[in-house]
């Protein structure tokens, strides 16, 4: 079985993420969306909320599951779940330069390969941070996020 992991904090998940994950699902038998927590980041949504939003958004994609990544190395998570690939979406050369050293290290640690998928052109400018900022300032983000995410972003906290 060809199993891949798509890791990310998904705060929040947006249509750029969904597009890459859907393409990964067409390439692999199973895709595990690993929702991670970076304790150096300030999150809009709790880990539980991010898991819930990702599960609701991706529930209709065949072969896709959403799980918490927990603590530890991504390479070890992949080994634990029997994944032979990590899938990362790339928006730009800067993403590639950031991701390449991690891909090489992950392969060194456990032999897991990283597959880079270029983002769809209409999503290359998207980031969760930008979406949160624009939404917080009253901008229209409806074409960039799933309906469940839009509703949650527009709900006062």
N, C-alpha and C. Protein backbone atom coordinates (compact mmCIF):
# COMPACT_ATOMS: atom_id res chain seq x y z
N UNK A 1 0.85 -1.18 0.00
CA UNK A 1 0.00 0.00 0.00
C UNK A 1 0.89 1.24 0.00
N UNK A 2 0.54 2.17 -0.85
CA UNK A 2 1.27 3.44 -0.89
C UNK A 2 0.56 4.42 0.04
N UNK A 3 1.23 4.76 1.13
CA UNK A 3 0.64 5.64 2.15
C UNK A 3 1.51 6.88 2.31
N UNK A 4 0.86 8.04 2.32
CA UNK A 4 1.58 9.31 2.46
C UNK A 4 1.02 10.09 3.63
N UNK A 5 1.86 10.97 4.15
CA UNK A 5 1.46 11.89 5.22
C UNK A 5 1.53 13.31 4.69
N UNK A 6 0.46 14.07 4.92
CA UNK A 6 0.44 15.51 4.61
C UNK A 6 0.41 16.23 5.96
N UNK A 7 1.55 16.72 6.42
CA UNK A 7 1.58 17.37 7.73
C UNK A 7 1.31 18.86 7.63
N UNK A 8 0.82 19.42 8.71
CA UNK A 8 0.64 20.86 8.78
C UNK A 8 -0.11 21.25 10.03
N UNK A 9 -0.05 22.53 10.35
CA UNK A 9 -0.80 23.00 11.52
C UNK A 9 -2.24 23.32 11.13
N UNK A 10 -2.49 23.68 9.87
CA UNK A 10 -3.83 23.90 9.35
C UNK A 10 -4.65 24.85 10.24
N UNK A 11 -4.09 26.04 10.45
CA UNK A 11 -4.73 27.04 11.33
C UNK A 11 -5.10 28.29 10.57
N UNK A 12 -6.15 28.23 9.76
CA UNK A 12 -7.05 27.11 9.48
C UNK A 12 -6.69 26.42 8.17
N UNK A 13 -7.34 25.30 7.94
CA UNK A 13 -7.22 24.64 6.64
C UNK A 13 -7.89 25.54 5.60
N UNK A 14 -7.28 25.66 4.43
CA UNK A 14 -7.85 26.49 3.37
C UNK A 14 -7.86 25.71 2.05
N UNK A 15 -8.41 26.32 1.03
CA UNK A 15 -8.59 25.62 -0.24
C UNK A 15 -7.28 25.22 -0.90
N UNK A 16 -6.21 25.94 -0.63
CA UNK A 16 -4.90 25.52 -1.14
C UNK A 16 -4.47 24.20 -0.53
N UNK A 17 -4.70 24.04 0.77
CA UNK A 17 -4.41 22.76 1.43
C UNK A 17 -5.27 21.65 0.83
N UNK A 18 -6.56 21.94 0.70
CA UNK A 18 -7.51 20.93 0.21
C UNK A 18 -7.11 20.47 -1.20
N UNK A 19 -6.72 21.39 -2.04
CA UNK A 19 -6.34 21.06 -3.40
C UNK A 19 -5.12 20.13 -3.43
N UNK A 20 -4.12 20.42 -2.63
CA UNK A 20 -2.92 19.57 -2.59
C UNK A 20 -3.26 18.20 -2.01
N UNK A 21 -4.05 18.17 -0.95
CA UNK A 21 -4.41 16.89 -0.32
C UNK A 21 -5.25 16.04 -1.29
N UNK A 22 -6.16 16.65 -2.03
CA UNK A 22 -6.96 15.92 -3.01
C UNK A 22 -6.07 15.33 -4.10
N UNK A 23 -5.10 16.09 -4.55
CA UNK A 23 -4.17 15.56 -5.56
C UNK A 23 -3.33 14.44 -4.99
N UNK A 24 -2.90 14.58 -3.74
CA UNK A 24 -2.14 13.50 -3.10
C UNK A 24 -2.99 12.23 -3.01
N UNK A 25 -4.29 12.39 -2.73
CA UNK A 25 -5.19 11.24 -2.62
C UNK A 25 -5.32 10.51 -3.96
N UNK A 26 -5.10 11.22 -5.05
CA UNK A 26 -5.16 10.55 -6.36
C UNK A 26 -3.86 9.82 -6.68
N UNK A 27 -2.79 10.13 -5.95
CA UNK A 27 -1.48 9.50 -6.19
C UNK A 27 -1.18 8.35 -5.25
N UNK A 28 -1.80 8.37 -4.07
CA UNK A 28 -1.51 7.37 -3.04
C UNK A 28 -2.78 6.62 -2.66
N UNK A 29 -2.61 5.41 -2.14
CA UNK A 29 -3.75 4.62 -1.69
C UNK A 29 -4.39 5.23 -0.45
N UNK A 30 -3.56 5.79 0.39
CA UNK A 30 -4.04 6.40 1.63
C UNK A 30 -3.23 7.66 1.92
N UNK A 31 -3.90 8.70 2.39
CA UNK A 31 -3.25 9.94 2.79
C UNK A 31 -3.67 10.24 4.23
N UNK A 32 -2.68 10.39 5.08
CA UNK A 32 -2.91 10.75 6.48
C UNK A 32 -2.59 12.23 6.63
N UNK A 33 -3.59 13.00 6.97
CA UNK A 33 -3.39 14.43 7.23
C UNK A 33 -3.04 14.53 8.71
N UNK A 34 -1.79 14.88 8.98
CA UNK A 34 -1.26 14.95 10.35
C UNK A 34 -1.31 16.39 10.83
N UNK A 35 -2.22 16.66 11.74
CA UNK A 35 -2.38 18.02 12.27
C UNK A 35 -1.38 18.20 13.40
N UNK A 36 -0.44 19.11 13.19
CA UNK A 36 0.66 19.30 14.13
C UNK A 36 0.46 20.55 14.98
N UNK A 37 1.24 20.62 16.02
CA UNK A 37 1.26 21.79 16.88
C UNK A 37 2.70 22.22 17.08
N UNK A 38 2.96 23.46 16.72
CA UNK A 38 4.27 24.07 16.93
C UNK A 38 4.09 25.03 18.11
N UNK A 39 4.70 24.72 19.22
CA UNK A 39 4.46 25.50 20.43
C UNK A 39 5.05 26.91 20.35
N UNK A 40 5.83 27.19 19.32
CA UNK A 40 6.35 28.54 19.13
C UNK A 40 5.33 29.44 18.41
N UNK A 41 4.29 28.82 17.83
CA UNK A 41 3.28 29.57 17.10
C UNK A 41 2.11 29.94 18.00
N UNK A 42 1.46 31.04 17.64
CA UNK A 42 0.22 31.43 18.30
C UNK A 42 -0.92 31.04 17.37
N UNK A 43 -1.81 30.17 17.86
CA UNK A 43 -2.88 29.64 17.03
C UNK A 43 -4.19 30.37 17.25
N UNK A 44 -4.97 30.49 16.19
CA UNK A 44 -6.33 31.03 16.27
C UNK A 44 -7.26 29.94 16.78
N UNK A 45 -7.04 28.70 16.32
CA UNK A 45 -7.88 27.57 16.69
C UNK A 45 -7.07 26.58 17.52
N UNK A 46 -7.74 25.96 18.48
CA UNK A 46 -7.08 24.94 19.31
C UNK A 46 -6.78 23.72 18.44
N UNK A 47 -5.95 22.83 18.96
CA UNK A 47 -5.63 21.59 18.23
C UNK A 47 -6.90 20.80 17.94
N UNK A 48 -7.80 20.74 18.90
CA UNK A 48 -9.06 20.01 18.70
C UNK A 48 -9.90 20.65 17.60
N UNK A 49 -9.96 21.99 17.59
CA UNK A 49 -10.73 22.68 16.55
C UNK A 49 -10.10 22.48 15.17
N UNK A 50 -8.78 22.51 15.10
CA UNK A 50 -8.10 22.32 13.82
C UNK A 50 -8.33 20.91 13.29
N UNK A 51 -8.32 19.93 14.19
CA UNK A 51 -8.63 18.55 13.80
C UNK A 51 -10.07 18.44 13.30
N UNK A 52 -10.97 19.07 14.00
CA UNK A 52 -12.39 19.03 13.63
C UNK A 52 -12.62 19.69 12.27
N UNK A 53 -12.05 20.88 12.07
CA UNK A 53 -12.22 21.58 10.80
C UNK A 53 -11.63 20.78 9.64
N UNK A 54 -10.46 20.20 9.85
CA UNK A 54 -9.84 19.40 8.79
C UNK A 54 -10.67 18.15 8.50
N UNK A 55 -11.17 17.50 9.54
CA UNK A 55 -11.99 16.30 9.35
C UNK A 55 -13.28 16.63 8.61
N UNK A 56 -13.94 17.71 8.98
CA UNK A 56 -15.17 18.12 8.30
C UNK A 56 -14.89 18.46 6.84
N UNK A 57 -13.81 19.17 6.59
CA UNK A 57 -13.47 19.61 5.25
C UNK A 57 -13.08 18.46 4.34
N UNK A 58 -12.33 17.51 4.87
CA UNK A 58 -11.75 16.44 4.05
C UNK A 58 -12.54 15.14 4.09
N UNK A 59 -13.63 15.12 4.84
CA UNK A 59 -14.40 13.90 5.05
C UNK A 59 -14.88 13.21 3.79
N UNK A 60 -15.08 13.94 2.72
CA UNK A 60 -15.60 13.34 1.49
C UNK A 60 -14.49 12.79 0.59
N UNK A 61 -13.25 13.05 0.93
CA UNK A 61 -12.14 12.56 0.08
C UNK A 61 -11.82 11.10 0.42
N UNK A 62 -11.89 10.25 -0.59
CA UNK A 62 -11.63 8.83 -0.40
C UNK A 62 -10.17 8.58 -0.04
N UNK A 63 -9.96 7.77 0.98
CA UNK A 63 -8.60 7.39 1.38
C UNK A 63 -7.88 8.41 2.23
N UNK A 64 -8.58 9.44 2.67
CA UNK A 64 -7.95 10.50 3.48
C UNK A 64 -8.46 10.40 4.91
N UNK A 65 -7.52 10.38 5.86
CA UNK A 65 -7.87 10.42 7.28
C UNK A 65 -7.13 11.58 7.93
N UNK A 66 -7.68 12.06 9.03
CA UNK A 66 -7.10 13.19 9.75
C UNK A 66 -6.79 12.72 11.17
N UNK A 67 -5.53 12.92 11.57
CA UNK A 67 -5.11 12.49 12.91
C UNK A 67 -4.20 13.56 13.53
N UNK A 68 -4.14 13.61 14.86
CA UNK A 68 -3.18 14.51 15.49
C UNK A 68 -1.77 13.95 15.34
N UNK A 69 -0.81 14.81 15.05
CA UNK A 69 0.56 14.34 14.91
C UNK A 69 1.22 14.09 16.25
N UNK A 70 0.84 14.84 17.24
CA UNK A 70 1.50 14.69 18.54
C UNK A 70 2.88 15.29 18.51
N UNK A 71 3.65 14.94 19.50
CA UNK A 71 5.01 15.48 19.59
C UNK A 71 5.99 14.53 18.92
N UNK A 72 7.13 15.06 18.58
CA UNK A 72 8.17 14.23 17.99
C UNK A 72 8.42 14.54 16.54
N UNK A 73 9.29 13.77 15.96
CA UNK A 73 9.73 13.98 14.59
C UNK A 73 8.71 13.46 13.57
N UNK A 74 8.55 14.21 12.50
CA UNK A 74 7.68 13.80 11.42
C UNK A 74 8.13 12.46 10.84
N UNK A 75 9.42 12.27 10.69
CA UNK A 75 9.95 11.01 10.13
C UNK A 75 9.53 9.83 11.00
N UNK A 76 9.55 10.01 12.30
CA UNK A 76 9.13 8.92 13.21
C UNK A 76 7.63 8.70 13.14
N UNK A 77 6.86 9.76 12.98
CA UNK A 77 5.41 9.64 12.80
C UNK A 77 5.14 8.80 11.55
N UNK A 78 5.87 9.08 10.46
CA UNK A 78 5.70 8.33 9.22
C UNK A 78 6.03 6.85 9.43
N UNK A 79 7.09 6.58 10.16
CA UNK A 79 7.47 5.19 10.43
C UNK A 79 6.36 4.50 11.23
N UNK A 80 5.86 5.20 12.25
CA UNK A 80 4.81 4.64 13.11
C UNK A 80 3.55 4.28 12.30
N UNK A 81 3.22 5.12 11.32
CA UNK A 81 2.01 4.90 10.53
C UNK A 81 2.27 4.11 9.24
N UNK A 82 3.51 3.71 9.01
CA UNK A 82 3.83 2.93 7.83
C UNK A 82 3.75 3.73 6.53
N UNK A 83 4.01 5.02 6.62
CA UNK A 83 3.96 5.87 5.43
C UNK A 83 5.33 5.87 4.75
N UNK A 84 5.32 5.78 3.44
CA UNK A 84 6.59 5.81 2.71
C UNK A 84 6.84 7.14 2.03
N UNK A 85 5.92 8.11 2.24
CA UNK A 85 6.11 9.42 1.63
C UNK A 85 5.48 10.52 2.48
N UNK A 86 6.07 11.69 2.36
CA UNK A 86 5.52 12.92 2.91
C UNK A 86 5.16 13.77 1.71
N UNK A 87 3.97 14.37 1.73
CA UNK A 87 3.57 15.24 0.63
C UNK A 87 3.53 16.68 1.15
N UNK A 88 4.20 17.55 0.41
CA UNK A 88 4.24 18.97 0.75
C UNK A 88 3.84 19.78 -0.48
N UNK A 89 2.97 20.74 -0.28
CA UNK A 89 2.62 21.66 -1.34
C UNK A 89 3.61 22.81 -1.37
N UNK A 90 3.98 23.21 -2.56
CA UNK A 90 4.93 24.32 -2.72
C UNK A 90 4.25 25.47 -3.45
N UNK A 91 4.33 26.66 -2.87
CA UNK A 91 3.78 27.85 -3.50
C UNK A 91 4.84 28.63 -4.25
N UNK A 92 6.09 28.47 -3.84
CA UNK A 92 7.14 29.32 -4.40
C UNK A 92 8.51 28.67 -4.20
N UNK A 93 9.50 29.31 -4.77
CA UNK A 93 10.89 28.88 -4.59
C UNK A 93 11.28 28.97 -3.11
N UNK A 94 10.75 29.95 -2.40
CA UNK A 94 11.05 30.09 -0.97
C UNK A 94 10.54 28.87 -0.19
N UNK A 95 9.36 28.37 -0.55
CA UNK A 95 8.85 27.16 0.09
C UNK A 95 9.81 25.99 -0.15
N UNK A 96 10.27 25.86 -1.39
CA UNK A 96 11.20 24.78 -1.73
C UNK A 96 12.49 24.89 -0.92
N UNK A 97 13.04 26.09 -0.84
CA UNK A 97 14.28 26.29 -0.08
C UNK A 97 14.08 25.98 1.40
N UNK A 98 12.92 26.25 1.93
CA UNK A 98 12.62 25.95 3.33
C UNK A 98 12.41 24.45 3.53
N UNK A 99 11.72 23.80 2.60
CA UNK A 99 11.34 22.39 2.75
C UNK A 99 12.45 21.40 2.40
N UNK A 100 13.33 21.75 1.48
CA UNK A 100 14.35 20.80 1.01
C UNK A 100 15.23 20.25 2.12
N UNK A 101 15.80 21.07 3.00
CA UNK A 101 16.65 20.49 4.06
C UNK A 101 15.88 19.51 4.95
N UNK A 102 14.62 19.81 5.22
CA UNK A 102 13.81 18.89 6.04
C UNK A 102 13.55 17.59 5.29
N UNK A 103 13.33 17.68 3.99
CA UNK A 103 13.11 16.47 3.19
C UNK A 103 14.35 15.57 3.22
N UNK A 104 15.50 16.17 3.08
CA UNK A 104 16.75 15.40 3.10
C UNK A 104 16.96 14.77 4.48
N UNK A 105 16.69 15.52 5.53
CA UNK A 105 16.85 14.98 6.89
C UNK A 105 15.86 13.86 7.15
N UNK A 106 14.61 14.02 6.74
CA UNK A 106 13.62 12.96 6.95
C UNK A 106 14.01 11.68 6.23
N UNK A 107 14.54 11.82 5.01
CA UNK A 107 15.01 10.63 4.27
C UNK A 107 16.18 9.99 5.00
N UNK A 108 17.08 10.82 5.53
CA UNK A 108 18.23 10.31 6.27
C UNK A 108 17.79 9.55 7.53
N UNK A 109 16.81 10.09 8.24
CA UNK A 109 16.39 9.50 9.51
C UNK A 109 15.67 8.17 9.36
N UNK A 110 14.75 8.09 8.40
CA UNK A 110 13.93 6.88 8.30
C UNK A 110 13.74 6.36 6.89
N UNK A 111 14.30 7.02 5.90
CA UNK A 111 14.14 6.58 4.52
C UNK A 111 12.86 7.09 3.86
N UNK A 112 12.05 7.85 4.58
CA UNK A 112 10.82 8.36 4.00
C UNK A 112 11.14 9.45 2.97
N UNK A 113 10.50 9.36 1.81
CA UNK A 113 10.72 10.33 0.75
C UNK A 113 9.71 11.47 0.86
N UNK A 114 10.08 12.63 0.36
CA UNK A 114 9.17 13.76 0.31
C UNK A 114 8.81 14.03 -1.14
N UNK A 115 7.52 14.17 -1.39
CA UNK A 115 7.00 14.48 -2.71
C UNK A 115 6.49 15.91 -2.67
N UNK A 116 6.99 16.74 -3.56
CA UNK A 116 6.57 18.13 -3.63
C UNK A 116 5.53 18.29 -4.74
N UNK A 117 4.39 18.88 -4.39
CA UNK A 117 3.35 19.17 -5.37
C UNK A 117 3.22 20.68 -5.50
N UNK A 118 3.37 21.20 -6.70
CA UNK A 118 3.21 22.65 -6.87
C UNK A 118 1.76 23.06 -6.64
N UNK A 119 1.57 24.16 -5.97
CA UNK A 119 0.23 24.66 -5.70
C UNK A 119 -0.45 25.09 -7.00
N UNK A 120 -1.75 24.94 -7.02
CA UNK A 120 -2.56 25.47 -8.12
C UNK A 120 -2.32 26.98 -8.18
N UNK A 121 -2.18 27.53 -9.37
CA UNK A 121 -1.85 28.95 -9.54
C UNK A 121 -2.73 29.90 -8.77
N UNK A 122 -4.01 29.59 -8.67
CA UNK A 122 -4.94 30.51 -7.98
C UNK A 122 -4.78 30.49 -6.47
N UNK A 123 -3.93 29.58 -5.96
CA UNK A 123 -3.72 29.48 -4.51
C UNK A 123 -2.29 29.80 -4.08
N UNK A 124 -1.42 30.18 -5.00
CA UNK A 124 -0.01 30.37 -4.64
C UNK A 124 0.21 31.50 -3.64
N UNK A 125 -0.72 32.39 -3.52
CA UNK A 125 -0.57 33.51 -2.58
C UNK A 125 -1.16 33.21 -1.20
N UNK A 126 -1.82 32.08 -1.06
CA UNK A 126 -2.53 31.78 0.19
C UNK A 126 -1.61 31.26 1.29
N UNK A 127 -1.90 31.70 2.48
CA UNK A 127 -1.32 31.13 3.69
C UNK A 127 -2.38 31.27 4.77
N UNK A 128 -2.33 30.41 5.75
CA UNK A 128 -3.28 30.49 6.86
C UNK A 128 -3.14 31.82 7.57
N UNK A 129 -1.92 32.31 7.72
CA UNK A 129 -1.70 33.60 8.39
C UNK A 129 -2.37 34.73 7.64
N UNK A 130 -2.23 34.76 6.32
CA UNK A 130 -2.84 35.81 5.52
C UNK A 130 -4.37 35.72 5.60
N UNK A 131 -4.89 34.53 5.54
CA UNK A 131 -6.35 34.35 5.64
C UNK A 131 -6.86 34.87 6.98
N UNK A 132 -6.18 34.54 8.06
CA UNK A 132 -6.61 35.02 9.38
C UNK A 132 -6.54 36.55 9.46
N UNK A 133 -5.49 37.12 8.90
CA UNK A 133 -5.33 38.57 8.94
C UNK A 133 -6.44 39.27 8.14
N UNK A 134 -6.67 38.81 6.93
CA UNK A 134 -7.69 39.43 6.09
C UNK A 134 -9.08 39.27 6.71
N UNK A 135 -9.38 38.08 7.23
CA UNK A 135 -10.68 37.85 7.88
C UNK A 135 -10.83 38.75 9.10
N UNK A 136 -9.76 38.87 9.88
CA UNK A 136 -9.80 39.70 11.08
C UNK A 136 -10.04 41.17 10.80
N UNK A 137 -9.66 41.60 9.60
CA UNK A 137 -9.84 43.01 9.22
C UNK A 137 -11.10 43.21 8.36
N UNK A 138 -11.92 42.16 8.28
CA UNK A 138 -13.21 42.28 7.59
C UNK A 138 -13.18 42.01 6.11
N UNK A 139 -12.09 41.49 5.59
CA UNK A 139 -12.00 41.19 4.16
C UNK A 139 -12.74 39.92 3.80
N UNK A 140 -13.07 39.79 2.53
CA UNK A 140 -13.81 38.63 2.02
C UNK A 140 -12.84 37.51 1.68
N UNK A 141 -12.91 36.43 2.41
CA UNK A 141 -12.05 35.26 2.17
C UNK A 141 -12.86 34.06 1.70
N UNK A 142 -14.11 34.27 1.37
CA UNK A 142 -15.03 33.16 1.08
C UNK A 142 -14.57 32.26 -0.06
N UNK A 143 -13.83 32.77 -1.02
CA UNK A 143 -13.38 31.91 -2.12
C UNK A 143 -12.12 31.11 -1.77
N UNK A 144 -11.57 31.35 -0.60
CA UNK A 144 -10.32 30.69 -0.24
C UNK A 144 -10.43 29.65 0.86
N UNK A 145 -11.57 29.58 1.52
CA UNK A 145 -11.73 28.63 2.63
C UNK A 145 -13.04 27.86 2.48
N UNK A 146 -13.06 26.62 2.98
CA UNK A 146 -14.32 25.86 3.00
C UNK A 146 -15.35 26.58 3.88
N UNK A 147 -16.62 26.31 3.61
CA UNK A 147 -17.70 26.97 4.34
C UNK A 147 -17.62 26.83 5.84
N UNK A 148 -17.25 25.64 6.33
CA UNK A 148 -17.16 25.44 7.78
C UNK A 148 -16.07 26.31 8.40
N UNK A 149 -15.00 26.51 7.67
CA UNK A 149 -13.91 27.36 8.16
C UNK A 149 -14.35 28.82 8.16
N UNK A 150 -15.00 29.24 7.08
CA UNK A 150 -15.47 30.63 6.98
C UNK A 150 -16.39 30.96 8.15
N UNK A 151 -17.31 30.07 8.42
CA UNK A 151 -18.25 30.29 9.53
C UNK A 151 -17.52 30.44 10.85
N UNK A 152 -16.53 29.59 11.09
CA UNK A 152 -15.78 29.64 12.35
C UNK A 152 -14.90 30.89 12.44
N UNK A 153 -14.32 31.29 11.31
CA UNK A 153 -13.47 32.49 11.32
C UNK A 153 -14.28 33.75 11.58
N UNK A 154 -15.51 33.75 11.12
CA UNK A 154 -16.35 34.94 11.29
C UNK A 154 -17.08 34.98 12.62
N UNK A 155 -16.97 33.90 13.40
CA UNK A 155 -17.59 33.84 14.72
C UNK A 155 -16.66 34.54 15.71
N UNK A 156 -17.15 35.55 16.41
CA UNK A 156 -16.29 36.22 17.40
C UNK A 156 -15.83 35.25 18.48
N UNK A 157 -14.61 35.45 18.93
CA UNK A 157 -14.05 34.56 19.97
C UNK A 157 -14.01 35.27 21.30
